[in-house]
Amino acid sequence: MLDSISKTFTILFLIIAIATIAYADDTIHLGVAGAHSGDLASYGIPSVRAAELVVDLINKRGGVLGKKVEIWSEDDACKPELA
């Protein structure tokens, strides 16, 4: 069961990783934009929580190529002018 959860989180992480990725010396920053407020917050907030869970799991396992992963989260309220 744990293997299934790990696979699910890995897939979710890869989907989220399509967002902007920036590399620093010892940290990989993942940008996650979405509706954290407004009408679609019920979709955006769980996406950020899932990304945080995946990043925590990855960091507990040593990160990516030894680098820590951090999330930069921005609220676009599902409005193009804020995205």
N, C-alpha and C. Protein backbone atom coordinates (compact mmCIF):
# COMPACT_ATOMS: atom_id res chain seq x y z
N MET A 1 0.82 -1.19 0.00
CA MET A 1 0.00 0.00 0.00
C MET A 1 0.87 1.26 0.00
N LEU A 2 1.95 1.24 0.79
CA LEU A 2 2.84 2.39 0.83
C LEU A 2 3.46 2.64 -0.54
N ASP A 3 3.78 1.55 -1.25
CA ASP A 3 4.34 1.68 -2.59
C ASP A 3 3.34 2.37 -3.52
N SER A 4 2.07 2.03 -3.40
CA SER A 4 1.03 2.64 -4.22
C SER A 4 0.92 4.13 -3.92
N ILE A 5 0.99 4.48 -2.64
CA ILE A 5 0.93 5.89 -2.25
C ILE A 5 2.14 6.64 -2.80
N SER A 6 3.30 6.02 -2.70
CA SER A 6 4.52 6.65 -3.21
C SER A 6 4.42 6.89 -4.71
N LYS A 7 3.90 5.91 -5.44
CA LYS A 7 3.75 6.08 -6.89
C LYS A 7 2.77 7.19 -7.21
N THR A 8 1.67 7.25 -6.46
CA THR A 8 0.67 8.29 -6.68
C THR A 8 1.28 9.66 -6.44
N PHE A 9 2.02 9.81 -5.35
CA PHE A 9 2.63 11.09 -5.04
C PHE A 9 3.71 11.45 -6.05
N THR A 10 4.44 10.47 -6.52
CA THR A 10 5.46 10.73 -7.53
C THR A 10 4.83 11.24 -8.81
N ILE A 11 3.75 10.62 -9.23
CA ILE A 11 3.05 11.07 -10.43
C ILE A 11 2.51 12.48 -10.23
N LEU A 12 1.91 12.72 -9.07
CA LEU A 12 1.39 14.05 -8.77
C LEU A 12 2.52 15.07 -8.77
N PHE A 13 3.65 14.71 -8.18
CA PHE A 13 4.80 15.60 -8.15
C PHE A 13 5.26 15.94 -9.57
N LEU A 14 5.31 14.95 -10.43
CA LEU A 14 5.76 15.19 -11.81
C LEU A 14 4.80 16.11 -12.54
N ILE A 15 3.51 15.95 -12.28
CA ILE A 15 2.53 16.84 -12.91
C ILE A 15 2.72 18.26 -12.42
N ILE A 16 2.90 18.39 -11.12
CA ILE A 16 3.10 19.72 -10.55
C ILE A 16 4.43 20.31 -11.00
N ALA A 17 5.41 19.46 -11.22
CA ALA A 17 6.74 19.93 -11.61
C ALA A 17 6.75 20.60 -12.97
N ILE A 18 5.68 20.47 -13.72
CA ILE A 18 5.58 21.16 -15.00
C ILE A 18 5.57 22.68 -14.76
N ALA A 19 5.17 23.06 -13.55
CA ALA A 19 5.24 24.47 -13.18
C ALA A 19 6.70 24.91 -13.19
N THR A 20 6.93 26.16 -12.99
CA THR A 20 8.29 26.71 -13.05
C THR A 20 9.21 26.05 -12.04
N ILE A 21 10.38 25.62 -12.51
CA ILE A 21 11.40 25.04 -11.64
C ILE A 21 12.64 25.93 -11.74
N ALA A 22 13.13 26.36 -10.60
CA ALA A 22 14.36 27.15 -10.57
C ALA A 22 15.37 26.43 -9.68
N TYR A 23 16.62 26.45 -10.11
CA TYR A 23 17.67 25.76 -9.36
C TYR A 23 18.54 26.78 -8.63
N ALA A 24 18.83 26.50 -7.39
CA ALA A 24 19.79 27.28 -6.61
C ALA A 24 20.96 26.37 -6.31
N ASP A 25 21.94 26.87 -5.59
CA ASP A 25 23.12 26.07 -5.30
C ASP A 25 22.77 24.75 -4.61
N ASP A 26 21.94 24.82 -3.58
CA ASP A 26 21.63 23.61 -2.82
C ASP A 26 20.14 23.36 -2.66
N THR A 27 19.32 24.12 -3.37
CA THR A 27 17.87 24.00 -3.25
C THR A 27 17.22 24.04 -4.63
N ILE A 28 16.21 23.22 -4.81
CA ILE A 28 15.39 23.27 -6.02
C ILE A 28 14.06 23.88 -5.62
N HIS A 29 13.69 24.96 -6.29
CA HIS A 29 12.44 25.64 -5.99
C HIS A 29 11.39 25.26 -7.03
N LEU A 30 10.24 24.82 -6.54
CA LEU A 30 9.13 24.45 -7.41
C LEU A 30 8.05 25.51 -7.28
N GLY A 31 7.64 26.10 -8.39
CA GLY A 31 6.56 27.07 -8.35
C GLY A 31 5.22 26.39 -8.56
N VAL A 32 4.28 26.67 -7.66
CA VAL A 32 2.94 26.10 -7.76
C VAL A 32 1.95 27.26 -7.72
N ALA A 33 1.33 27.54 -8.85
CA ALA A 33 0.32 28.60 -8.92
C ALA A 33 -1.05 27.95 -9.03
N GLY A 34 -2.01 28.57 -8.42
CA GLY A 34 -3.36 28.03 -8.50
C GLY A 34 -4.33 28.86 -7.70
N ALA A 35 -5.57 28.44 -7.72
CA ALA A 35 -6.63 29.14 -7.01
C ALA A 35 -6.61 28.73 -5.54
N HIS A 36 -6.02 29.57 -4.71
CA HIS A 36 -6.00 29.30 -3.27
C HIS A 36 -7.07 30.12 -2.57
N SER A 37 -7.75 30.95 -3.35
CA SER A 37 -8.89 31.72 -2.85
C SER A 37 -9.88 31.82 -4.01
N GLY A 38 -11.04 32.33 -3.73
CA GLY A 38 -12.04 32.47 -4.78
C GLY A 38 -12.88 31.22 -4.97
N ASP A 39 -13.60 31.18 -6.09
CA ASP A 39 -14.56 30.11 -6.36
C ASP A 39 -13.93 28.73 -6.47
N LEU A 40 -12.71 28.64 -6.94
CA LEU A 40 -12.08 27.34 -7.17
C LEU A 40 -11.03 26.97 -6.12
N ALA A 41 -11.07 27.63 -4.98
CA ALA A 41 -10.11 27.34 -3.91
C ALA A 41 -10.20 25.89 -3.45
N SER A 42 -11.38 25.30 -3.56
CA SER A 42 -11.53 23.91 -3.13
C SER A 42 -10.70 22.95 -3.99
N TYR A 43 -10.27 23.41 -5.16
CA TYR A 43 -9.38 22.60 -6.00
C TYR A 43 -7.92 23.00 -5.81
N GLY A 44 -7.66 24.28 -5.69
CA GLY A 44 -6.30 24.77 -5.60
C GLY A 44 -5.60 24.45 -4.29
N ILE A 45 -6.31 24.57 -3.18
CA ILE A 45 -5.70 24.33 -1.87
C ILE A 45 -5.25 22.87 -1.73
N PRO A 46 -6.07 21.88 -2.10
CA PRO A 46 -5.59 20.50 -2.02
C PRO A 46 -4.38 20.23 -2.93
N SER A 47 -4.30 20.93 -4.05
CA SER A 47 -3.14 20.76 -4.94
C SER A 47 -1.86 21.20 -4.26
N VAL A 48 -1.92 22.31 -3.56
CA VAL A 48 -0.74 22.80 -2.84
C VAL A 48 -0.40 21.85 -1.70
N ARG A 49 -1.41 21.38 -0.98
CA ARG A 49 -1.17 20.44 0.13
C ARG A 49 -0.53 19.15 -0.39
N ALA A 50 -1.01 18.67 -1.53
CA ALA A 50 -0.43 17.46 -2.12
C ALA A 50 1.02 17.70 -2.52
N ALA A 51 1.29 18.85 -3.10
CA ALA A 51 2.67 19.18 -3.48
C ALA A 51 3.56 19.23 -2.25
N GLU A 52 3.05 19.81 -1.16
CA GLU A 52 3.83 19.87 0.08
C GLU A 52 4.12 18.48 0.63
N LEU A 53 3.13 17.60 0.57
CA LEU A 53 3.35 16.23 1.04
C LEU A 53 4.41 15.51 0.21
N VAL A 54 4.34 15.70 -1.09
CA VAL A 54 5.32 15.06 -1.98
C VAL A 54 6.72 15.61 -1.72
N VAL A 55 6.82 16.92 -1.57
CA VAL A 55 8.12 17.53 -1.32
C VAL A 55 8.68 17.06 0.03
N ASP A 56 7.83 16.97 1.04
CA ASP A 56 8.29 16.45 2.34
C ASP A 56 8.84 15.03 2.19
N LEU A 57 8.12 14.20 1.45
CA LEU A 57 8.56 12.82 1.23
C LEU A 57 9.91 12.79 0.50
N ILE A 58 10.02 13.59 -0.53
CA ILE A 58 11.26 13.64 -1.31
C ILE A 58 12.43 14.11 -0.44
N ASN A 59 12.19 15.16 0.35
CA ASN A 59 13.26 15.68 1.21
C ASN A 59 13.66 14.69 2.29
N LYS A 60 12.71 13.93 2.81
CA LYS A 60 13.03 12.90 3.81
C LYS A 60 13.89 11.80 3.21
N ARG A 61 13.77 11.61 1.90
CA ARG A 61 14.55 10.57 1.21
C ARG A 61 15.86 11.12 0.65
N GLY A 62 16.22 12.32 1.03
CA GLY A 62 17.51 12.86 0.59
C GLY A 62 17.44 13.91 -0.50
N GLY A 63 16.24 14.29 -0.89
CA GLY A 63 16.09 15.32 -1.91
C GLY A 63 16.28 14.79 -3.32
N VAL A 64 16.54 15.69 -4.23
CA VAL A 64 16.78 15.35 -5.63
C VAL A 64 18.25 15.61 -5.91
N LEU A 65 18.97 14.54 -6.19
CA LEU A 65 20.42 14.62 -6.40
C LEU A 65 21.10 15.34 -5.24
N GLY A 66 20.58 15.07 -4.03
CA GLY A 66 21.16 15.65 -2.83
C GLY A 66 20.72 17.07 -2.53
N LYS A 67 19.86 17.62 -3.36
CA LYS A 67 19.38 18.99 -3.15
C LYS A 67 18.01 18.97 -2.49
N LYS A 68 17.80 19.89 -1.57
CA LYS A 68 16.51 20.05 -0.91
C LYS A 68 15.52 20.69 -1.90
N VAL A 69 14.26 20.29 -1.80
CA VAL A 69 13.21 20.85 -2.66
C VAL A 69 12.32 21.74 -1.81
N GLU A 70 12.02 22.93 -2.32
CA GLU A 70 11.11 23.86 -1.65
C GLU A 70 10.02 24.28 -2.63
N ILE A 71 8.86 24.62 -2.08
CA ILE A 71 7.73 25.06 -2.91
C ILE A 71 7.53 26.55 -2.75
N TRP A 72 7.37 27.22 -3.88
CA TRP A 72 6.94 28.60 -3.90
C TRP A 72 5.51 28.58 -4.39
N SER A 73 4.59 28.98 -3.57
CA SER A 73 3.17 28.89 -3.89
C SER A 73 2.59 30.29 -4.08
N GLU A 74 1.85 30.49 -5.15
CA GLU A 74 1.21 31.77 -5.42
C GLU A 74 -0.27 31.56 -5.71
N ASP A 75 -1.08 32.47 -5.23
CA ASP A 75 -2.52 32.42 -5.43
C ASP A 75 -2.89 33.27 -6.64
N ASP A 76 -3.45 32.63 -7.67
CA ASP A 76 -3.92 33.40 -8.82
C ASP A 76 -5.44 33.55 -8.81
N ALA A 77 -6.09 33.01 -7.78
CA ALA A 77 -7.55 33.10 -7.60
C ALA A 77 -8.30 32.67 -8.85
N CYS A 78 -7.65 31.94 -9.73
CA CYS A 78 -8.22 31.46 -10.99
C CYS A 78 -8.66 32.64 -11.88
N LYS A 79 -7.87 33.70 -11.83
CA LYS A 79 -8.15 34.89 -12.64
C LYS A 79 -6.94 35.16 -13.53
N PRO A 80 -7.13 35.22 -14.84
CA PRO A 80 -6.01 35.41 -15.76
C PRO A 80 -5.17 36.65 -15.45
N GLU A 81 -5.80 37.72 -14.99
CA GLU A 81 -5.05 38.94 -14.73
C GLU A 81 -4.11 38.80 -13.53
N LEU A 82 -4.33 37.80 -12.69
CA LEU A 82 -3.45 37.55 -11.54
C LEU A 82 -2.42 36.46 -11.82
N ALA A 83 -2.65 35.68 -12.86
CA ALA A 83 -1.78 34.53 -13.14
C ALA A 83 -0.43 34.97 -13.64
